[in-house]
Amino acid sequence: MMGNRTTVSTFILRGFSSLPDLQDLLFVLIFFSHVTILAANVSVMVAIKLSHNLHTPMYFFLSGLSFSETCTTMVTLPRMLVDLLSDSKTISLPECATQMFFFFSLAGNNCFIMAAMSYDRYTAIHSPLHYPILMTHRICLQLMMASSVTGIVVSLCIVLIVFNLSFCDASTIQHFFCDIAPVVSLACDYTFFQKTILLAFTAFVLVGSFILIMISYVFIVSTVVKMPSAKGRYKAFYTCSSHLTVVCIHYGFAGFVYLRPKDSDSFSEDMLMAVTYTVLTPLLNPIVYSLRNKEMQIALRKVLDNVCRFFSQMVSKRMLNTS
């Protein structure tokens, strides 16, 4: 089906080829950003795993979000780093389809995990006495699985539509990874109907999950304003502030890239925004939650202390062995 209709078998990821003098600098910046993203998100996951007091639904979802964000960066950034140092920036059609599938599966998963996190915050604030019953570990797992399955199904539909198009002559993708708009712009039989269907899928993920988040926050605000204690209102809003900050950053960048009208002149602008979206968002998530959460700060400090102790013991053993 895919092979019979496609005459182009490989694409060229143009990426930042128009900036040859900045290739080395970009490599260094993106490499260190990638390492920092991995270290920060893995630290959050380890801290949550090792700290018994963080075994709550909120941190369960945060751990899932950190894992999903880490995987999302692994889909795009290593390939971008290789291309920055390589003259050959080709990617085969199956590789392109695979990259697109995993990227949008994980991106959709991220959106619906954030929606689940907002529902968790609403439940904790609206029904604190019934919270342990309403948000059991089984329900949290079901919400996490629903997020993953939704992301996978939507991504599969997008990939099937995109890669059933015919790519005739042009083969240069004006991007650093196989994103929807730059790929479909190369097709010779891309119709308005297909464009509408693809927009509907992306809107379903971004707008749909955002509406769910906003519904939760409308109920949260209506509950909080009825609280008699000013201290209670402040505490309730404070517990939501980290999540709301991450939501604003995530949906601000993603909405700009995927929901506004596209033309060939906007691809370079979209690419710069996509770099910010794929690098900044996974980097800010653990930072935002750590800076605004004392429990997380204590847990991360313990992880850091254990890591430092482990390395100091390793160094001491080596010194003893050499002497």
Protein backbone atom coordinates (compact mmCIF):
# COMPACT_ATOMS: atom_id res chain seq x y z
CA MET A 1 0.00 0.00 0.00
CA MET A 2 2.70 2.46 1.01
CA GLY A 3 5.36 1.16 -1.38
CA ASN A 4 3.16 0.94 -4.49
CA ARG A 5 2.22 4.61 -4.52
CA THR A 6 5.52 6.21 -3.50
CA THR A 7 8.35 6.93 -5.90
CA VAL A 8 10.58 8.68 -3.34
CA SER A 9 12.30 6.14 -1.07
CA THR A 10 14.49 8.50 0.97
CA PHE A 11 14.14 12.02 2.34
CA ILE A 12 16.74 14.61 3.28
CA LEU A 13 16.32 16.29 6.66
CA ARG A 14 17.44 19.83 5.91
CA GLY A 15 17.46 20.83 9.56
CA PHE A 16 19.94 23.63 10.17
CA SER A 17 21.86 23.25 6.90
CA SER A 18 21.23 26.93 6.15
CA LEU A 19 23.39 27.80 9.17
CA PRO A 20 26.71 26.02 8.39
CA ASP A 21 28.77 28.30 10.65
CA LEU A 22 26.63 27.47 13.65
CA GLN A 23 26.59 23.66 13.29
CA ASP A 24 29.25 23.04 15.96
CA LEU A 25 27.73 25.52 18.41
CA LEU A 26 24.26 24.05 17.90
CA PHE A 27 25.65 20.55 18.45
CA VAL A 28 27.22 21.56 21.78
CA LEU A 29 24.08 23.38 22.97
CA ILE A 30 21.68 20.60 21.98
CA PHE A 31 24.00 17.86 23.30
CA PHE A 32 24.25 19.44 26.75
CA SER A 33 20.52 20.17 26.73
CA HIS A 34 19.86 16.51 25.92
CA VAL A 35 22.15 15.28 28.70
CA THR A 36 20.51 17.70 31.14
CA ILE A 37 17.02 16.54 30.12
CA LEU A 38 17.99 12.90 30.68
CA ALA A 39 19.68 13.61 34.02
CA ALA A 40 16.85 15.81 35.33
CA ASN A 41 13.99 13.51 34.33
CA VAL A 42 15.76 10.32 35.43
CA SER A 43 16.51 12.01 38.78
CA VAL A 44 12.82 12.83 39.20
CA MET A 45 11.80 9.23 38.41
CA VAL A 46 14.43 7.76 40.76
CA ALA A 47 13.52 10.20 43.54
CA ILE A 48 9.83 9.27 43.27
CA LYS A 49 10.65 5.55 43.18
CA LEU A 50 12.93 5.64 46.24
CA SER A 51 10.90 8.05 48.41
CA HIS A 52 7.97 6.30 50.07
CA ASN A 53 6.20 9.60 50.87
CA LEU A 54 6.08 10.37 47.12
CA HIS A 55 4.13 7.20 46.31
CA THR A 56 0.94 9.20 45.65
CA PRO A 57 -1.15 9.62 42.47
CA MET A 58 0.27 13.09 41.75
CA TYR A 59 3.86 11.82 41.74
CA PHE A 60 2.86 8.65 39.91
CA PHE A 61 1.61 10.81 37.03
CA LEU A 62 4.66 13.08 37.29
CA SER A 63 6.94 10.05 37.00
CA GLY A 64 4.98 8.86 33.96
CA LEU A 65 5.22 12.32 32.39
CA SER A 66 8.99 12.46 33.01
CA PHE A 67 9.43 9.04 31.40
CA SER A 68 7.28 9.99 28.40
CA GLU A 69 9.08 13.34 27.94
CA THR A 70 12.46 11.57 28.09
CA CYS A 71 11.36 9.10 25.41
CA THR A 72 10.04 11.95 23.25
CA THR A 73 13.45 13.64 23.23
CA MET A 74 15.12 10.30 22.43
CA VAL A 75 13.03 10.10 19.25
CA THR A 76 14.26 13.42 17.83
CA LEU A 77 17.40 14.80 19.53
CA PRO A 78 19.93 11.95 18.91
CA ARG A 79 19.06 12.03 15.21
CA MET A 80 19.42 15.82 15.18
CA LEU A 81 22.86 15.57 16.83
CA VAL A 82 24.04 13.02 14.25
CA ASP A 83 22.78 15.18 11.38
CA LEU A 84 24.56 18.27 12.73
CA LEU A 85 27.90 16.48 12.34
CA SER A 86 27.05 14.58 9.16
CA ASP A 87 27.11 15.62 5.52
CA SER A 88 24.55 12.96 4.67
CA LYS A 89 21.23 13.83 6.28
CA THR A 90 19.14 11.21 4.53
CA ILE A 91 16.38 9.25 6.21
CA SER A 92 14.51 6.37 4.59
CA LEU A 93 10.74 6.46 4.21
CA PRO A 94 10.14 3.65 6.79
CA GLU A 95 12.51 5.38 9.26
CA CYS A 96 10.66 8.65 8.74
CA ALA A 97 7.30 6.97 9.32
CA THR A 98 8.63 5.25 12.47
CA GLN A 99 10.00 8.50 13.87
CA MET A 100 6.71 10.30 13.22
CA PHE A 101 4.73 7.47 14.83
CA PHE A 102 6.75 7.40 18.05
CA PHE A 103 6.97 11.19 18.32
CA PHE A 104 3.21 11.74 18.06
CA SER A 105 2.38 8.68 20.19
CA LEU A 106 4.51 10.09 23.01
CA ALA A 107 3.39 13.69 22.44
CA GLY A 108 -0.26 12.61 22.65
CA ASN A 109 0.54 10.57 25.74
CA ASN A 110 2.08 13.67 27.37
CA CYS A 111 -1.06 15.72 26.70
CA PHE A 112 -3.45 13.21 28.22
CA ILE A 113 -1.18 12.53 31.22
CA MET A 114 -1.37 16.26 31.97
CA ALA A 115 -5.16 16.02 31.69
CA ALA A 116 -5.09 13.10 34.17
CA MET A 117 -2.90 15.19 36.50
CA SER A 118 -5.44 18.04 36.46
CA TYR A 119 -8.24 15.57 37.30
CA ASP A 120 -6.11 14.23 40.15
CA ARG A 121 -5.66 17.78 41.54
CA TYR A 122 -9.42 18.41 41.27
CA THR A 123 -10.21 15.18 43.13
CA ALA A 124 -7.67 15.97 45.88
CA ILE A 125 -9.10 19.47 46.43
CA HIS A 126 -12.81 18.73 45.95
CA SER A 127 -12.99 15.42 47.84
CA PRO A 128 -9.97 15.16 50.19
CA LEU A 129 -11.65 12.62 52.47
CA HIS A 130 -12.60 10.31 49.59
CA TYR A 131 -9.40 10.94 47.62
CA PRO A 132 -7.71 7.59 48.51
CA ILE A 133 -10.83 5.74 47.33
CA LEU A 134 -11.36 7.81 44.16
CA MET A 135 -7.71 7.75 43.07
CA THR A 136 -6.53 4.22 43.76
CA HIS A 137 -3.39 2.81 42.15
CA ARG A 138 -5.58 0.79 39.79
CA ILE A 139 -7.44 3.90 38.59
CA CYS A 140 -4.14 5.75 38.12
CA LEU A 141 -2.82 2.86 36.01
CA GLN A 142 -6.02 2.86 33.93
CA LEU A 143 -5.70 6.61 33.29
CA MET A 144 -2.05 6.17 32.33
CA MET A 145 -2.90 3.28 29.99
CA ALA A 146 -5.76 5.27 28.43
CA SER A 147 -3.33 8.14 27.75
CA SER A 148 -0.86 5.78 26.07
CA VAL A 149 -3.47 3.96 23.97
CA THR A 150 -5.07 7.24 22.82
CA GLY A 151 -1.67 8.61 21.80
CA ILE A 152 -0.79 5.42 19.90
CA VAL A 153 -4.14 5.19 18.05
CA VAL A 154 -4.13 8.86 16.99
CA SER A 155 -0.49 8.68 15.93
CA LEU A 156 -1.11 5.50 13.90
CA CYS A 157 -4.00 7.20 12.07
CA ILE A 158 -1.82 10.23 11.30
CA VAL A 159 1.05 8.10 9.99
CA LEU A 160 -1.26 5.98 7.81
CA ILE A 161 -2.74 9.10 6.20
CA VAL A 162 0.63 10.82 5.67
CA PHE A 163 2.50 7.83 4.28
CA ASN A 164 -0.29 6.75 1.96
CA LEU A 165 0.35 9.95 0.02
CA SER A 166 2.49 9.91 -3.14
CA PHE A 167 5.89 11.61 -2.88
CA CYS A 168 6.95 12.24 -6.47
CA ASP A 169 9.87 14.61 -6.94
CA ALA A 170 10.76 16.78 -3.96
CA SER A 171 12.52 14.94 -1.13
CA THR A 172 13.94 17.67 1.15
CA ILE A 173 12.10 18.00 4.48
CA GLN A 174 12.39 21.54 5.83
CA HIS A 175 12.80 20.33 9.39
CA PHE A 176 15.15 18.42 11.72
CA PHE A 177 12.69 15.52 12.11
CA CYS A 178 9.73 14.03 10.25
CA ASP A 179 6.97 16.40 11.30
CA ILE A 180 3.54 16.37 9.65
CA ALA A 181 3.45 19.68 7.76
CA PRO A 182 6.96 19.55 6.21
CA VAL A 183 6.40 15.94 5.06
CA VAL A 184 2.93 16.38 3.54
CA SER A 185 4.13 19.52 1.71
CA LEU A 186 6.27 17.16 -0.44
CA ALA A 187 3.28 15.05 -1.53
CA CYS A 188 1.79 15.48 -4.99
CA ASP A 189 -1.73 14.27 -4.08
CA TYR A 190 -2.32 16.06 -0.77
CA THR A 191 -5.97 17.16 -0.76
CA PHE A 192 -8.00 19.54 1.38
CA PHE A 193 -9.90 16.56 2.83
CA GLN A 194 -6.69 14.91 4.05
CA LYS A 195 -5.50 18.24 5.45
CA THR A 196 -8.77 18.59 7.37
CA ILE A 197 -8.55 15.05 8.77
CA LEU A 198 -4.94 15.59 9.96
CA LEU A 199 -5.91 18.90 11.57
CA ALA A 200 -8.85 17.15 13.28
CA PHE A 201 -6.51 14.52 14.79
CA THR A 202 -4.01 17.09 16.08
CA ALA A 203 -6.84 19.28 17.40
CA PHE A 204 -8.38 16.25 19.13
CA VAL A 205 -5.13 15.68 21.06
CA LEU A 206 -4.19 19.30 21.79
CA VAL A 207 -7.59 21.00 22.08
CA GLY A 208 -9.35 17.94 23.51
CA SER A 209 -6.87 17.38 26.33
CA PHE A 210 -6.65 21.15 26.97
CA ILE A 211 -10.45 21.35 27.36
CA LEU A 212 -10.31 18.48 29.87
CA ILE A 213 -7.62 20.35 31.81
CA MET A 214 -9.61 23.60 31.77
CA ILE A 215 -12.78 21.80 32.95
CA SER A 216 -10.83 20.42 35.92
CA TYR A 217 -9.48 23.88 36.73
CA VAL A 218 -12.91 25.50 36.50
CA PHE A 219 -14.14 23.04 39.14
CA ILE A 220 -10.94 23.53 41.18
CA VAL A 221 -11.41 27.33 41.23
CA SER A 222 -15.12 27.01 42.09
CA THR A 223 -14.18 24.71 45.01
CA VAL A 224 -11.27 26.82 46.26
CA VAL A 225 -13.16 30.14 46.33
CA LYS A 226 -15.73 28.54 48.65
CA MET A 227 -13.06 27.60 51.20
CA PRO A 228 -13.46 29.65 54.41
CA SER A 229 -9.73 29.72 55.20
CA ALA A 230 -7.34 31.99 53.27
CA LYS A 231 -4.52 29.62 54.18
CA GLY A 232 -6.47 26.70 52.70
CA ARG A 233 -7.11 28.64 49.49
CA TYR A 234 -3.43 29.53 49.17
CA LYS A 235 -2.35 25.92 49.77
CA ALA A 236 -4.83 24.61 47.17
CA PHE A 237 -3.72 27.08 44.50
CA TYR A 238 -0.05 26.47 45.35
CA THR A 239 -0.39 22.70 44.79
CA CYS A 240 -1.78 23.40 41.30
CA SER A 241 0.72 26.12 40.31
CA SER A 242 3.47 23.75 39.11
CA HIS A 243 1.09 21.79 36.90
CA LEU A 244 -0.53 24.94 35.52
CA THR A 245 2.91 26.40 34.67
CA VAL A 246 3.90 23.26 32.74
CA VAL A 247 0.51 23.22 30.94
CA CYS A 248 0.91 26.85 29.81
CA ILE A 249 4.44 26.22 28.47
CA HIS A 250 3.53 22.93 26.77
CA TYR A 251 0.29 24.05 25.10
CA GLY A 252 1.63 27.49 24.21
CA PHE A 253 4.45 26.07 22.08
CA ALA A 254 2.52 23.04 20.76
CA GLY A 255 -0.51 25.12 19.80
CA PHE A 256 1.65 27.62 17.91
CA VAL A 257 3.37 24.84 15.92
CA TYR A 258 0.42 22.55 15.15
CA LEU A 259 -2.80 24.57 15.20
CA ARG A 260 -2.01 27.69 13.18
CA PRO A 261 -2.32 27.83 9.35
CA LYS A 262 0.74 26.51 7.49
CA ASP A 263 2.59 27.56 4.37
CA SER A 264 6.09 26.77 3.07
CA ASP A 265 7.41 30.10 4.38
CA SER A 266 6.46 29.23 7.97
CA PHE A 267 8.48 25.98 8.16
CA SER A 268 11.69 27.67 9.34
CA GLU A 269 9.72 29.49 12.05
CA ASP A 270 7.98 26.25 13.03
CA MET A 271 11.36 24.49 13.19
CA LEU A 272 12.72 27.03 15.67
CA MET A 273 9.56 26.71 17.77
CA ALA A 274 9.81 22.90 17.55
CA VAL A 275 13.38 23.03 18.91
CA THR A 276 12.06 25.04 21.84
CA TYR A 277 9.13 22.64 22.23
CA THR A 278 11.25 19.47 22.11
CA VAL A 279 14.10 20.82 24.26
CA LEU A 280 12.69 23.44 26.61
CA THR A 281 9.48 21.69 27.72
CA PRO A 282 11.12 18.40 28.88
CA LEU A 283 13.85 20.49 30.54
CA LEU A 284 11.44 22.78 32.38
CA ASN A 285 9.08 20.07 33.65
CA PRO A 286 11.43 18.65 36.32
CA ILE A 287 12.79 22.13 37.15
CA VAL A 288 9.33 23.63 37.70
CA TYR A 289 8.14 20.72 39.86
CA SER A 290 11.38 20.72 41.85
CA LEU A 291 11.55 24.46 42.50
CA ARG A 292 7.95 24.67 43.72
CA ASN A 293 7.80 21.45 45.71
CA LYS A 294 9.65 20.93 49.00
CA GLU A 295 8.94 17.18 49.10
CA MET A 296 10.53 16.78 45.67
CA GLN A 297 13.51 18.93 46.68
CA ILE A 298 14.18 16.73 49.72
CA ALA A 299 13.85 13.53 47.64
CA LEU A 300 16.17 14.86 44.92
CA ARG A 301 18.72 15.91 47.55
CA LYS A 302 18.72 12.35 48.91
CA VAL A 303 19.26 10.96 45.40
CA LEU A 304 22.10 13.41 44.80
CA ASP A 305 23.69 12.51 48.15
CA ASN A 306 23.47 8.79 47.34
CA VAL A 307 25.03 9.34 43.90
CA CYS A 308 27.87 11.41 45.38
CA ARG A 309 28.44 8.77 48.07
CA PHE A 310 28.49 6.01 45.46
CA PHE A 311 31.08 7.80 43.30
CA SER A 312 33.25 8.70 46.30
CA GLN A 313 33.25 5.03 47.36
CA MET A 314 34.20 3.98 43.83
CA VAL A 315 37.07 6.46 43.78
CA SER A 316 38.26 5.32 47.21
CA LYS A 317 38.22 1.66 46.14
CA ARG A 318 40.23 2.44 42.99
CA MET A 319 42.78 4.39 44.97
CA LEU A 320 43.14 1.50 47.43
CA ASN A 321 43.51 -1.01 44.58
CA THR A 322 46.18 1.06 42.81
CA SER A 323 48.13 1.57 46.03
